[in-house]
């Protein structure tokens, strides 16, 4: 079985916290990325929810070389190709479908993290060679307790939980041996992006790094 796990692991293990961001104005991309990089969070997931997102990724790659922008909300093979063409370093999907997994497997030079919510979906992703997955929506699908249960049945799987994560539950998520990073929209809230409150976003990110950077997987 072909494995597509190594590249995502290399990109995500150092990150630990991944801001999930939606950019509505392309001119916000660079100052937002700079604020997150300066705070110690260079890896960021930019949702492909509008026509601005690919342009935002291009701007970040061109002007913030320390940033590691990933494309999020990838749901079709077209989205996957769009993410790569925009310059995303890798891509996340909220779920998994056979066509999407097949397309991603055909692009071994572009790291991809499929989304799963159940054991069956995890088995489908792993059978396609993907052992690093997004656990979404993590909070409503049982939280860290579910990943503890998955750990015994799927010891080689590694997870990036998102969906309902927040500052209060990060300790529990990051304490799990099979969690390599946690994603969350709370790290760069949409209202603060709309106000262009880069200082506020940077301060929140710095606090998260300071509090949770000391947690180490066993």
N, C-alpha and C. Protein backbone atom coordinates (compact mmCIF):
# COMPACT_ATOMS: atom_id res chain seq x y z
N UNK A 1 0.85 -1.19 0.00
CA UNK A 1 0.00 0.00 0.00
C UNK A 1 0.88 1.24 0.00
N UNK A 2 0.62 2.16 -0.90
CA UNK A 2 1.36 3.40 -0.96
C UNK A 2 0.96 4.29 0.21
N UNK A 3 1.96 4.94 0.83
CA UNK A 3 1.68 5.86 1.92
C UNK A 3 1.98 7.28 1.48
N UNK A 4 1.05 8.18 1.79
CA UNK A 4 1.22 9.59 1.46
C UNK A 4 1.37 10.41 2.75
N UNK A 5 1.96 9.79 3.79
CA UNK A 5 1.95 10.39 5.11
C UNK A 5 3.15 11.27 5.42
N UNK A 6 4.30 10.99 4.84
CA UNK A 6 5.52 11.63 5.30
C UNK A 6 5.50 13.14 5.14
N UNK A 7 5.07 13.64 3.98
CA UNK A 7 5.11 15.09 3.78
C UNK A 7 4.19 15.83 4.74
N UNK A 8 2.94 15.41 4.94
CA UNK A 8 2.12 16.11 5.93
C UNK A 8 2.70 16.06 7.33
N UNK A 9 3.30 14.95 7.71
CA UNK A 9 3.89 14.85 9.04
C UNK A 9 4.99 15.89 9.20
N UNK A 10 5.85 16.00 8.19
CA UNK A 10 6.94 16.95 8.27
C UNK A 10 6.48 18.39 8.37
N UNK A 11 5.35 18.71 7.73
CA UNK A 11 4.83 20.06 7.77
C UNK A 11 4.04 20.35 9.04
N UNK A 12 3.36 19.34 9.59
CA UNK A 12 2.43 19.58 10.68
C UNK A 12 3.00 19.33 12.06
N UNK A 13 3.92 18.39 12.22
CA UNK A 13 4.43 18.10 13.55
C UNK A 13 5.07 19.32 14.22
N UNK A 14 5.83 20.16 13.47
CA UNK A 14 6.38 21.35 14.14
C UNK A 14 5.32 22.41 14.42
N UNK A 15 4.17 22.34 13.76
CA UNK A 15 3.18 23.42 13.86
C UNK A 15 2.40 23.38 15.17
N UNK A 16 1.82 22.24 15.49
CA UNK A 16 1.03 22.02 16.70
C UNK A 16 -0.28 22.80 16.72
N UNK A 17 -0.26 24.09 16.38
CA UNK A 17 -1.48 24.89 16.30
C UNK A 17 -1.60 25.47 14.90
N UNK A 18 -2.75 25.28 14.27
CA UNK A 18 -2.96 25.73 12.89
C UNK A 18 -4.18 26.64 12.84
N UNK A 19 -3.99 27.94 12.67
CA UNK A 19 -5.15 28.82 12.53
C UNK A 19 -5.94 28.49 11.26
N UNK A 20 -7.26 28.42 11.38
CA UNK A 20 -8.14 28.23 10.24
C UNK A 20 -8.72 29.59 9.89
N UNK A 21 -8.43 30.09 8.69
CA UNK A 21 -8.81 31.45 8.37
C UNK A 21 -9.58 31.53 7.06
N UNK A 22 -10.52 32.46 7.04
CA UNK A 22 -11.28 32.77 5.83
C UNK A 22 -10.96 34.21 5.46
N UNK A 23 -10.42 34.42 4.27
CA UNK A 23 -10.00 35.75 3.83
C UNK A 23 -10.99 36.26 2.80
N UNK A 24 -11.59 37.39 3.09
CA UNK A 24 -12.59 37.98 2.20
C UNK A 24 -11.99 39.06 1.30
N UNK A 25 -10.86 39.65 1.72
CA UNK A 25 -10.21 40.71 0.96
C UNK A 25 -8.76 40.32 0.75
N UNK A 26 -8.32 40.28 -0.48
CA UNK A 26 -6.98 39.80 -0.77
C UNK A 26 -5.93 40.67 -0.10
N UNK A 27 -6.23 41.95 0.11
CA UNK A 27 -5.25 42.84 0.73
C UNK A 27 -5.03 42.52 2.21
N UNK A 28 -5.89 41.68 2.79
CA UNK A 28 -5.71 41.27 4.19
C UNK A 28 -4.74 40.11 4.33
N UNK A 29 -4.45 39.43 3.24
CA UNK A 29 -3.70 38.18 3.32
C UNK A 29 -2.31 38.38 3.90
N UNK A 30 -1.57 39.32 3.38
CA UNK A 30 -0.17 39.50 3.80
C UNK A 30 -0.06 40.00 5.24
N UNK A 31 -0.78 41.06 5.65
CA UNK A 31 -0.65 41.46 7.06
C UNK A 31 -1.14 40.40 8.04
N UNK A 32 -2.16 39.65 7.67
CA UNK A 32 -2.62 38.57 8.55
C UNK A 32 -1.56 37.49 8.68
N UNK A 33 -0.99 37.08 7.57
CA UNK A 33 0.06 36.06 7.61
C UNK A 33 1.26 36.54 8.41
N UNK A 34 1.63 37.79 8.23
CA UNK A 34 2.76 38.33 8.99
C UNK A 34 2.48 38.33 10.48
N UNK A 35 1.25 38.68 10.87
CA UNK A 35 0.89 38.68 12.28
C UNK A 35 1.00 37.28 12.88
N UNK A 36 0.55 36.27 12.14
CA UNK A 36 0.61 34.90 12.64
C UNK A 36 2.04 34.38 12.68
N UNK A 37 2.81 34.67 11.66
CA UNK A 37 4.21 34.24 11.65
C UNK A 37 4.97 34.88 12.81
N UNK A 38 4.76 36.17 13.00
CA UNK A 38 5.45 36.89 14.08
C UNK A 38 5.08 36.32 15.45
N UNK A 39 3.86 35.79 15.56
CA UNK A 39 3.41 35.21 16.83
C UNK A 39 3.91 33.78 17.02
N UNK A 40 4.48 33.18 15.99
CA UNK A 40 4.98 31.82 16.11
C UNK A 40 4.10 30.76 15.50
N UNK A 41 3.14 31.18 14.65
CA UNK A 41 2.24 30.23 13.99
C UNK A 41 2.36 30.38 12.46
N UNK A 42 3.42 29.85 11.88
CA UNK A 42 3.61 30.04 10.43
C UNK A 42 2.71 29.17 9.57
N UNK A 43 2.22 28.06 10.11
CA UNK A 43 1.35 27.17 9.33
C UNK A 43 -0.09 27.60 9.51
N UNK A 44 -0.79 27.85 8.39
CA UNK A 44 -2.16 28.34 8.45
C UNK A 44 -3.00 27.70 7.36
N UNK A 45 -4.25 27.42 7.67
CA UNK A 45 -5.17 26.83 6.70
C UNK A 45 -6.11 27.90 6.18
N UNK A 46 -6.06 28.14 4.89
CA UNK A 46 -6.88 29.18 4.25
C UNK A 46 -8.01 28.50 3.50
N UNK A 47 -9.23 28.76 3.92
CA UNK A 47 -10.39 28.06 3.35
C UNK A 47 -10.66 28.51 1.92
N UNK A 48 -10.83 27.53 1.04
CA UNK A 48 -11.20 27.82 -0.35
C UNK A 48 -12.72 27.99 -0.45
N UNK A 49 -13.21 29.03 0.18
CA UNK A 49 -14.65 29.27 0.22
C UNK A 49 -15.09 30.39 -0.71
N UNK A 50 -14.14 31.06 -1.34
CA UNK A 50 -14.48 32.16 -2.23
C UNK A 50 -13.37 32.32 -3.27
N UNK A 51 -13.57 33.23 -4.20
CA UNK A 51 -12.60 33.44 -5.27
C UNK A 51 -11.35 34.17 -4.79
N UNK A 52 -11.42 34.76 -3.61
CA UNK A 52 -10.27 35.48 -3.06
C UNK A 52 -9.18 34.52 -2.58
N UNK A 53 -9.59 33.36 -2.06
CA UNK A 53 -8.66 32.46 -1.37
C UNK A 53 -7.43 32.09 -2.20
N UNK A 54 -7.56 31.66 -3.46
CA UNK A 54 -6.34 31.32 -4.22
C UNK A 54 -5.41 32.52 -4.38
N UNK A 55 -5.98 33.71 -4.58
CA UNK A 55 -5.15 34.90 -4.70
C UNK A 55 -4.46 35.22 -3.38
N UNK A 56 -5.16 34.98 -2.28
CA UNK A 56 -4.57 35.22 -0.96
C UNK A 56 -3.38 34.29 -0.74
N UNK A 57 -3.52 33.03 -1.13
CA UNK A 57 -2.41 32.08 -0.98
C UNK A 57 -1.22 32.54 -1.81
N UNK A 58 -1.47 32.98 -3.03
CA UNK A 58 -0.38 33.45 -3.89
C UNK A 58 0.33 34.65 -3.26
N UNK A 59 -0.44 35.58 -2.70
CA UNK A 59 0.16 36.76 -2.09
C UNK A 59 1.02 36.38 -0.89
N UNK A 60 0.53 35.45 -0.09
CA UNK A 60 1.29 35.01 1.08
C UNK A 60 2.59 34.34 0.65
N UNK A 61 2.53 33.47 -0.34
CA UNK A 61 3.74 32.80 -0.81
C UNK A 61 4.75 33.81 -1.36
N UNK A 62 4.25 34.86 -2.01
CA UNK A 62 5.14 35.83 -2.65
C UNK A 62 5.77 36.80 -1.65
N UNK A 63 5.03 37.12 -0.57
CA UNK A 63 5.48 38.22 0.29
C UNK A 63 5.78 37.82 1.73
N UNK A 64 5.42 36.60 2.14
CA UNK A 64 5.70 36.16 3.51
C UNK A 64 6.39 34.80 3.42
N UNK A 65 7.68 34.79 3.10
CA UNK A 65 8.35 33.51 2.83
C UNK A 65 8.39 32.56 4.02
N UNK A 66 8.25 33.09 5.24
CA UNK A 66 8.28 32.21 6.41
C UNK A 66 6.96 31.48 6.62
N UNK A 67 5.90 31.92 5.95
CA UNK A 67 4.59 31.32 6.14
C UNK A 67 4.48 29.99 5.40
N UNK A 68 3.64 29.12 5.93
CA UNK A 68 3.36 27.82 5.32
C UNK A 68 1.86 27.74 5.10
N UNK A 69 1.37 28.34 4.01
CA UNK A 69 -0.08 28.35 3.78
C UNK A 69 -0.59 27.03 3.21
N UNK A 70 -1.63 26.51 3.83
CA UNK A 70 -2.32 25.33 3.32
C UNK A 70 -3.69 25.75 2.81
N UNK A 71 -4.21 25.02 1.87
CA UNK A 71 -5.57 25.27 1.39
C UNK A 71 -6.53 24.38 2.16
N UNK A 72 -7.60 24.97 2.65
CA UNK A 72 -8.62 24.20 3.36
C UNK A 72 -9.91 24.13 2.59
N UNK A 73 -10.83 23.34 3.10
CA UNK A 73 -12.15 23.19 2.48
C UNK A 73 -12.06 22.63 1.06
N UNK A 74 -11.05 21.81 0.83
CA UNK A 74 -10.88 21.16 -0.49
C UNK A 74 -11.86 19.99 -0.56
N UNK A 75 -12.77 20.03 -1.52
CA UNK A 75 -13.82 19.03 -1.58
C UNK A 75 -13.91 18.27 -2.89
N UNK A 76 -13.21 18.74 -3.92
CA UNK A 76 -13.27 18.09 -5.22
C UNK A 76 -11.86 18.00 -5.81
N UNK A 77 -11.65 17.14 -6.80
CA UNK A 77 -10.35 17.13 -7.49
C UNK A 77 -10.01 18.50 -8.07
N UNK A 78 -11.01 19.23 -8.55
CA UNK A 78 -10.76 20.57 -9.07
C UNK A 78 -10.18 21.47 -7.98
N UNK A 79 -10.77 21.42 -6.78
CA UNK A 79 -10.25 22.21 -5.67
C UNK A 79 -8.80 21.85 -5.38
N UNK A 80 -8.50 20.58 -5.45
CA UNK A 80 -7.14 20.12 -5.16
C UNK A 80 -6.15 20.72 -6.15
N UNK A 81 -6.48 20.67 -7.41
CA UNK A 81 -5.60 21.26 -8.42
C UNK A 81 -5.51 22.78 -8.27
N UNK A 82 -6.63 23.40 -7.92
CA UNK A 82 -6.63 24.85 -7.70
C UNK A 82 -5.70 25.21 -6.55
N UNK A 83 -5.74 24.43 -5.49
CA UNK A 83 -4.87 24.68 -4.34
C UNK A 83 -3.40 24.59 -4.72
N UNK A 84 -3.06 23.57 -5.47
CA UNK A 84 -1.67 23.41 -5.88
C UNK A 84 -1.23 24.54 -6.79
N UNK A 85 -2.07 24.90 -7.75
CA UNK A 85 -1.73 25.98 -8.67
C UNK A 85 -1.58 27.32 -7.96
N UNK A 86 -2.32 27.51 -6.87
CA UNK A 86 -2.23 28.75 -6.12
C UNK A 86 -0.95 28.85 -5.30
N UNK A 87 -0.27 27.72 -5.12
CA UNK A 87 0.97 27.73 -4.35
C UNK A 87 0.83 27.24 -2.93
N UNK A 88 -0.31 26.66 -2.57
CA UNK A 88 -0.46 26.10 -1.23
C UNK A 88 0.61 25.03 -1.01
N UNK A 89 1.14 24.98 0.21
CA UNK A 89 2.15 23.97 0.52
C UNK A 89 1.53 22.58 0.68
N UNK A 90 0.26 22.55 1.09
CA UNK A 90 -0.47 21.28 1.19
C UNK A 90 -1.95 21.62 1.30
N UNK A 91 -2.80 20.60 1.45
CA UNK A 91 -4.24 20.84 1.44
C UNK A 91 -4.95 19.97 2.47
N UNK A 92 -6.05 20.51 2.99
CA UNK A 92 -6.95 19.80 3.89
C UNK A 92 -8.31 19.67 3.23
N UNK A 93 -9.01 18.59 3.54
CA UNK A 93 -10.42 18.47 3.16
C UNK A 93 -11.24 18.23 4.43
N UNK A 94 -12.50 18.66 4.44
CA UNK A 94 -13.34 18.39 5.61
C UNK A 94 -13.87 16.96 5.65
N UNK A 95 -13.79 16.26 4.53
CA UNK A 95 -14.27 14.89 4.44
C UNK A 95 -13.49 14.12 3.38
N UNK A 96 -13.95 12.94 3.07
CA UNK A 96 -13.26 12.09 2.09
C UNK A 96 -14.27 11.47 1.13
N UNK A 97 -13.94 11.49 -0.15
CA UNK A 97 -14.71 10.77 -1.16
C UNK A 97 -13.73 9.99 -2.01
N UNK A 98 -14.17 8.88 -2.60
CA UNK A 98 -13.25 8.12 -3.46
C UNK A 98 -12.63 8.97 -4.57
N UNK A 99 -13.39 9.83 -5.29
CA UNK A 99 -12.74 10.64 -6.34
C UNK A 99 -11.66 11.58 -5.79
N UNK A 100 -11.91 12.16 -4.63
CA UNK A 100 -10.93 13.08 -4.06
C UNK A 100 -9.68 12.34 -3.60
N UNK A 101 -9.86 11.21 -2.95
CA UNK A 101 -8.71 10.41 -2.52
C UNK A 101 -7.91 9.92 -3.72
N UNK A 102 -8.61 9.51 -4.77
CA UNK A 102 -7.92 9.04 -5.97
C UNK A 102 -7.12 10.17 -6.61
N UNK A 103 -7.70 11.36 -6.69
CA UNK A 103 -7.00 12.50 -7.27
C UNK A 103 -5.78 12.87 -6.44
N UNK A 104 -5.93 12.84 -5.12
CA UNK A 104 -4.81 13.18 -4.25
C UNK A 104 -3.69 12.15 -4.34
N UNK A 105 -4.06 10.88 -4.44
CA UNK A 105 -3.06 9.83 -4.57
C UNK A 105 -2.27 9.96 -5.87
N UNK A 106 -2.90 10.56 -6.89
CA UNK A 106 -2.23 10.76 -8.17
C UNK A 106 -1.33 12.00 -8.17
N UNK A 107 -1.30 12.73 -7.04
CA UNK A 107 -0.45 13.92 -6.91
C UNK A 107 0.49 13.74 -5.72
N UNK A 108 1.40 12.78 -5.77
CA UNK A 108 2.24 12.47 -4.60
C UNK A 108 3.16 13.61 -4.19
N UNK A 109 3.37 14.58 -5.09
CA UNK A 109 4.23 15.71 -4.75
C UNK A 109 3.48 16.83 -4.04
N UNK A 110 2.17 16.65 -3.84
CA UNK A 110 1.37 17.67 -3.17
C UNK A 110 0.72 17.05 -1.94
N UNK A 111 1.23 17.34 -0.74
CA UNK A 111 0.69 16.71 0.47
C UNK A 111 -0.78 17.02 0.69
N UNK A 112 -1.52 16.01 1.08
CA UNK A 112 -2.96 16.13 1.26
C UNK A 112 -3.38 15.46 2.55
N UNK A 113 -4.26 16.13 3.31
CA UNK A 113 -4.77 15.61 4.57
C UNK A 113 -6.29 15.49 4.45
N UNK A 114 -6.81 14.28 4.20
CA UNK A 114 -8.26 14.11 4.06
C UNK A 114 -8.97 14.19 5.40
N UNK A 115 -10.25 14.55 5.35
CA UNK A 115 -11.04 14.64 6.57
C UNK A 115 -11.80 13.36 6.85
N UNK A 116 -11.90 13.02 8.14
CA UNK A 116 -12.67 11.84 8.57
C UNK A 116 -13.44 12.20 9.83
N UNK A 117 -14.54 11.51 10.03
CA UNK A 117 -15.32 11.68 11.26
C UNK A 117 -15.62 10.34 11.93
N UNK A 118 -15.49 9.25 11.19
CA UNK A 118 -15.85 7.93 11.71
C UNK A 118 -14.74 6.92 11.42
N UNK A 119 -14.86 5.76 12.06
CA UNK A 119 -13.88 4.69 11.83
C UNK A 119 -13.92 4.23 10.38
N UNK A 120 -15.11 4.15 9.79
CA UNK A 120 -15.22 3.71 8.40
C UNK A 120 -14.53 4.68 7.45
N UNK A 121 -14.71 5.99 7.70
CA UNK A 121 -14.05 6.98 6.85
C UNK A 121 -12.55 6.93 7.03
N UNK A 122 -12.10 6.71 8.25
CA UNK A 122 -10.66 6.58 8.50
C UNK A 122 -10.10 5.36 7.77
N UNK A 123 -10.82 4.25 7.80
CA UNK A 123 -10.37 3.06 7.10
C UNK A 123 -10.28 3.29 5.60
N UNK A 124 -11.23 4.06 5.04
CA UNK A 124 -11.19 4.36 3.61
C UNK A 124 -9.97 5.21 3.28
N UNK A 125 -9.70 6.22 4.11
CA UNK A 125 -8.54 7.07 3.86
C UNK A 125 -7.24 6.28 3.99
N UNK A 126 -7.15 5.44 5.00
CA UNK A 126 -5.93 4.66 5.19
C UNK A 126 -5.72 3.65 4.08
N UNK A 127 -6.82 3.08 3.57
CA UNK A 127 -6.69 2.12 2.48
C UNK A 127 -6.18 2.78 1.20
N UNK A 128 -6.39 4.11 1.10
CA UNK A 128 -5.86 4.86 -0.04
C UNK A 128 -4.45 5.36 0.22
N UNK A 129 -3.91 5.08 1.40
CA UNK A 129 -2.54 5.45 1.72
C UNK A 129 -2.38 6.69 2.55
N UNK A 130 -3.48 7.21 3.09
CA UNK A 130 -3.42 8.44 3.87
C UNK A 130 -3.57 8.13 5.36
N UNK A 131 -2.50 8.28 6.10
CA UNK A 131 -2.50 7.97 7.53
C UNK A 131 -2.52 9.23 8.38
N UNK A 132 -2.35 10.38 7.78
CA UNK A 132 -2.50 11.66 8.46
C UNK A 132 -3.81 12.27 8.00
N UNK A 133 -4.74 12.50 8.92
CA UNK A 133 -6.09 12.92 8.56
C UNK A 133 -6.56 14.06 9.45
N UNK A 134 -7.50 14.82 8.93
CA UNK A 134 -8.20 15.82 9.73
C UNK A 134 -9.38 15.13 10.40
N UNK A 135 -9.55 15.35 11.71
CA UNK A 135 -10.70 14.82 12.44
C UNK A 135 -11.72 15.95 12.55
N UNK A 136 -12.81 15.86 11.77
CA UNK A 136 -13.78 16.95 11.67
C UNK A 136 -15.20 16.40 11.59
N UNK A 137 -16.15 17.00 12.30
CA UNK A 137 -16.00 18.06 13.30
C UNK A 137 -15.64 17.48 14.65
N UNK A 138 -14.45 17.76 15.11
CA UNK A 138 -13.90 17.07 16.26
C UNK A 138 -14.71 17.16 17.53
N UNK A 139 -15.17 18.36 17.87
CA UNK A 139 -15.86 18.52 19.15
C UNK A 139 -17.17 17.76 19.19
N UNK A 140 -17.93 17.77 18.10
CA UNK A 140 -19.24 17.11 18.10
C UNK A 140 -19.15 15.62 17.82
N UNK A 141 -17.97 15.15 17.40
CA UNK A 141 -17.81 13.71 17.15
C UNK A 141 -17.12 13.00 18.30
N UNK A 142 -17.21 13.57 19.49
CA UNK A 142 -16.71 12.88 20.67
C UNK A 142 -15.44 13.44 21.26
N UNK A 143 -14.86 14.44 20.61
CA UNK A 143 -13.68 15.09 21.16
C UNK A 143 -12.49 14.17 21.29
N UNK A 144 -11.61 14.50 22.22
CA UNK A 144 -10.38 13.75 22.41
C UNK A 144 -10.64 12.30 22.81
N UNK A 145 -11.78 12.04 23.44
CA UNK A 145 -12.10 10.67 23.84
C UNK A 145 -12.21 9.76 22.63
N UNK A 146 -12.75 10.27 21.53
CA UNK A 146 -12.85 9.47 20.30
C UNK A 146 -11.46 9.13 19.78
N UNK A 147 -10.56 10.09 19.81
CA UNK A 147 -9.21 9.82 19.30
C UNK A 147 -8.46 8.86 20.22
N UNK A 148 -8.75 8.89 21.50
CA UNK A 148 -8.16 7.88 22.39
C UNK A 148 -8.64 6.49 21.99
N UNK A 149 -9.92 6.39 21.66
CA UNK A 149 -10.47 5.09 21.24
C UNK A 149 -9.88 4.67 19.90
N UNK A 150 -9.73 5.62 18.97
CA UNK A 150 -9.13 5.30 17.68
C UNK A 150 -7.69 4.83 17.84
N UNK A 151 -7.02 5.32 18.86
CA UNK A 151 -5.60 5.01 19.01
C UNK A 151 -5.30 3.53 19.12
N UNK A 152 -6.15 2.79 19.80
CA UNK A 152 -5.88 1.36 19.96
C UNK A 152 -6.20 0.58 18.69
N UNK A 153 -7.24 0.99 17.98
CA UNK A 153 -7.63 0.28 16.76
C UNK A 153 -6.79 0.68 15.55
N UNK A 154 -6.33 1.94 15.55
CA UNK A 154 -5.59 2.47 14.40
C UNK A 154 -4.30 3.12 14.88
N UNK A 155 -3.34 2.31 15.33
CA UNK A 155 -2.14 2.88 15.96
C UNK A 155 -1.27 3.70 15.02
N UNK A 156 -1.42 3.52 13.71
CA UNK A 156 -0.57 4.25 12.76
C UNK A 156 -1.22 5.55 12.26
N UNK A 157 -2.46 5.79 12.63
CA UNK A 157 -3.14 7.01 12.18
C UNK A 157 -2.71 8.20 13.03
N UNK A 158 -2.62 9.36 12.39
CA UNK A 158 -2.29 10.60 13.08
C UNK A 158 -3.36 11.64 12.70
N UNK A 159 -3.73 12.49 13.66
CA UNK A 159 -4.90 13.33 13.50
C UNK A 159 -4.59 14.81 13.69
N UNK A 160 -5.36 15.61 12.95
CA UNK A 160 -5.40 17.06 13.14
C UNK A 160 -6.86 17.41 13.43
N UNK A 161 -7.26 17.47 14.68
CA UNK A 161 -8.65 17.77 14.99
C UNK A 161 -8.99 19.24 14.73
N UNK A 162 -10.15 19.48 14.14
CA UNK A 162 -10.68 20.82 13.95
C UNK A 162 -12.20 20.74 14.11
N UNK A 163 -12.84 21.90 14.17
CA UNK A 163 -14.30 21.90 14.29
C UNK A 163 -14.74 21.93 15.73
N UNK A 164 -14.93 23.13 16.27
CA UNK A 164 -15.34 23.28 17.66
C UNK A 164 -14.21 23.28 18.65
N UNK A 165 -12.97 23.18 18.19
CA UNK A 165 -11.84 23.28 19.12
C UNK A 165 -11.76 24.71 19.64
N UNK A 166 -11.19 24.85 20.84
CA UNK A 166 -11.05 26.18 21.41
C UNK A 166 -9.90 26.19 22.40
N UNK A 167 -9.62 27.35 22.97
CA UNK A 167 -8.49 27.49 23.87
C UNK A 167 -8.63 26.62 25.11
N UNK A 168 -9.86 26.33 25.52
CA UNK A 168 -10.07 25.58 26.76
C UNK A 168 -9.81 24.09 26.62
N UNK A 169 -9.94 23.54 25.40
CA UNK A 169 -9.77 22.09 25.26
C UNK A 169 -8.45 21.69 24.59
N UNK A 170 -7.58 22.65 24.32
CA UNK A 170 -6.34 22.32 23.62
C UNK A 170 -5.45 21.38 24.42
N UNK A 171 -5.40 21.55 25.73
CA UNK A 171 -4.55 20.67 26.53
C UNK A 171 -4.92 19.20 26.31
N UNK A 172 -6.22 18.93 26.31
CA UNK A 172 -6.69 17.55 26.14
C UNK A 172 -6.35 17.02 24.76
N UNK A 173 -6.60 17.85 23.72
CA UNK A 173 -6.27 17.40 22.37
C UNK A 173 -4.77 17.11 22.22
N UNK A 174 -3.95 18.08 22.63
CA UNK A 174 -2.51 17.96 22.39
C UNK A 174 -1.85 16.89 23.25
N UNK A 175 -2.53 16.46 24.30
CA UNK A 175 -2.00 15.39 25.14
C UNK A 175 -2.13 14.02 24.49
N UNK A 176 -2.94 13.91 23.44
CA UNK A 176 -3.15 12.62 22.80
C UNK A 176 -1.94 12.27 21.93
N UNK A 177 -1.48 11.05 22.06
CA UNK A 177 -0.29 10.64 21.32
C UNK A 177 -0.50 10.66 19.81
N UNK A 178 -1.74 10.49 19.37
CA UNK A 178 -1.99 10.42 17.92
C UNK A 178 -2.40 11.76 17.33
N UNK A 179 -2.33 12.83 18.10
CA UNK A 179 -2.64 14.18 17.60
C UNK A 179 -1.33 14.90 17.30
N UNK A 180 -1.16 15.34 16.06
CA UNK A 180 0.08 16.02 15.70
C UNK A 180 -0.08 17.54 15.69
N UNK A 181 -1.29 18.02 15.51
CA UNK A 181 -1.57 19.46 15.54
C UNK A 181 -3.06 19.64 15.70
N UNK A 182 -3.46 20.83 16.15
CA UNK A 182 -4.86 21.16 16.33
C UNK A 182 -5.16 22.43 15.53
N UNK A 183 -6.25 22.39 14.76
CA UNK A 183 -6.66 23.56 14.01
C UNK A 183 -7.83 24.26 14.66
N UNK A 184 -7.88 25.58 14.51
CA UNK A 184 -9.00 26.30 15.10
C UNK A 184 -9.19 27.68 14.53
N UNK A 185 -10.45 28.04 14.28
CA UNK A 185 -10.77 29.37 13.76
C UNK A 185 -10.63 30.42 14.85
N UNK A 186 -10.67 30.01 16.10
CA UNK A 186 -10.58 30.97 17.20
C UNK A 186 -9.22 31.66 17.25
N UNK A 187 -8.20 31.10 16.62
CA UNK A 187 -6.88 31.72 16.64
C UNK A 187 -6.82 32.99 15.81
N UNK A 188 -7.67 33.11 14.81
CA UNK A 188 -7.76 34.32 13.98
C UNK A 188 -9.22 34.55 13.65
N UNK A 189 -9.99 35.08 14.60
CA UNK A 189 -11.44 35.20 14.43
C UNK A 189 -11.82 36.09 13.24
N UNK A 190 -12.91 35.72 12.60
CA UNK A 190 -13.35 36.45 11.41
C UNK A 190 -13.64 37.90 11.70
N UNK A 191 -14.18 38.21 12.89
CA UNK A 191 -14.50 39.61 13.18
C UNK A 191 -13.24 40.45 13.34
N UNK A 192 -12.18 39.84 13.87
CA UNK A 192 -10.93 40.58 14.00
C UNK A 192 -10.24 40.76 12.65
N UNK A 193 -10.38 39.76 11.79
CA UNK A 193 -9.86 39.93 10.43
C UNK A 193 -10.62 41.04 9.72
N UNK A 194 -11.94 41.08 9.89
CA UNK A 194 -12.75 42.11 9.26
C UNK A 194 -12.34 43.50 9.73
N UNK A 195 -11.96 43.62 11.03
CA UNK A 195 -11.53 44.91 11.58
C UNK A 195 -10.06 45.20 11.31
N UNK A 196 -9.37 44.19 10.73
CA UNK A 196 -7.92 44.28 10.49
C UNK A 196 -7.17 44.53 11.80
N UNK A 197 -7.59 43.80 12.81
CA UNK A 197 -6.97 43.90 14.13
C UNK A 197 -5.79 42.92 14.20
N UNK A 198 -4.75 43.24 13.47
CA UNK A 198 -3.60 42.33 13.40
C UNK A 198 -2.91 42.20 14.76
N UNK A 199 -2.87 43.29 15.52
CA UNK A 199 -2.25 43.24 16.84
C UNK A 199 -3.01 42.30 17.77
N UNK A 200 -4.35 42.36 17.72
CA UNK A 200 -5.14 41.48 18.56
C UNK A 200 -4.96 40.02 18.18
N UNK A 201 -4.93 39.74 16.89
CA UNK A 201 -4.72 38.36 16.42
C UNK A 201 -3.34 37.87 16.84
N UNK A 202 -2.34 38.71 16.68
CA UNK A 202 -0.99 38.32 17.06
C UNK A 202 -0.89 38.05 18.56
N UNK A 203 -1.53 38.88 19.37
CA UNK A 203 -1.48 38.70 20.82
C UNK A 203 -2.14 37.39 21.23
N UNK A 204 -3.30 37.07 20.63
CA UNK A 204 -3.97 35.81 20.95
C UNK A 204 -3.11 34.62 20.54
N UNK A 205 -2.52 34.70 19.36
CA UNK A 205 -1.67 33.61 18.89
C UNK A 205 -0.45 33.43 19.78
N UNK A 206 0.16 34.52 20.20
CA UNK A 206 1.32 34.43 21.09
C UNK A 206 0.94 33.78 22.41
N UNK A 207 -0.22 34.14 22.94
CA UNK A 207 -0.67 33.54 24.20
C UNK A 207 -0.89 32.04 24.05
N UNK A 208 -1.46 31.63 22.91
CA UNK A 208 -1.68 30.20 22.67
C UNK A 208 -0.37 29.45 22.56
N UNK A 209 0.59 30.03 21.87
CA UNK A 209 1.90 29.39 21.73
C UNK A 209 2.58 29.29 23.09
N UNK A 210 2.51 30.35 23.88
CA UNK A 210 3.15 30.35 25.19
C UNK A 210 2.52 29.31 26.11
N UNK A 211 1.20 29.19 26.05
CA UNK A 211 0.51 28.27 26.96
C UNK A 211 0.67 26.82 26.54
N UNK A 212 0.56 26.56 25.24
CA UNK A 212 0.47 25.17 24.79
C UNK A 212 1.75 24.64 24.17
N UNK A 213 2.74 25.51 23.98
CA UNK A 213 3.98 25.02 23.39
C UNK A 213 4.74 24.07 24.29
N UNK A 214 4.42 24.12 25.60
CA UNK A 214 5.15 23.26 26.54
C UNK A 214 4.61 21.84 26.55
N UNK A 215 3.43 21.60 25.97
CA UNK A 215 2.85 20.26 25.97
C UNK A 215 3.59 19.41 24.96
N UNK A 216 4.05 18.28 25.35
CA UNK A 216 4.79 17.41 24.43
C UNK A 216 4.11 16.04 24.38
N UNK A 217 4.07 15.49 23.20
CA UNK A 217 3.53 14.13 23.06
C UNK A 217 4.53 13.15 23.62
N UNK A 218 4.00 12.10 24.25
CA UNK A 218 4.89 11.12 24.87
C UNK A 218 5.47 10.20 23.81
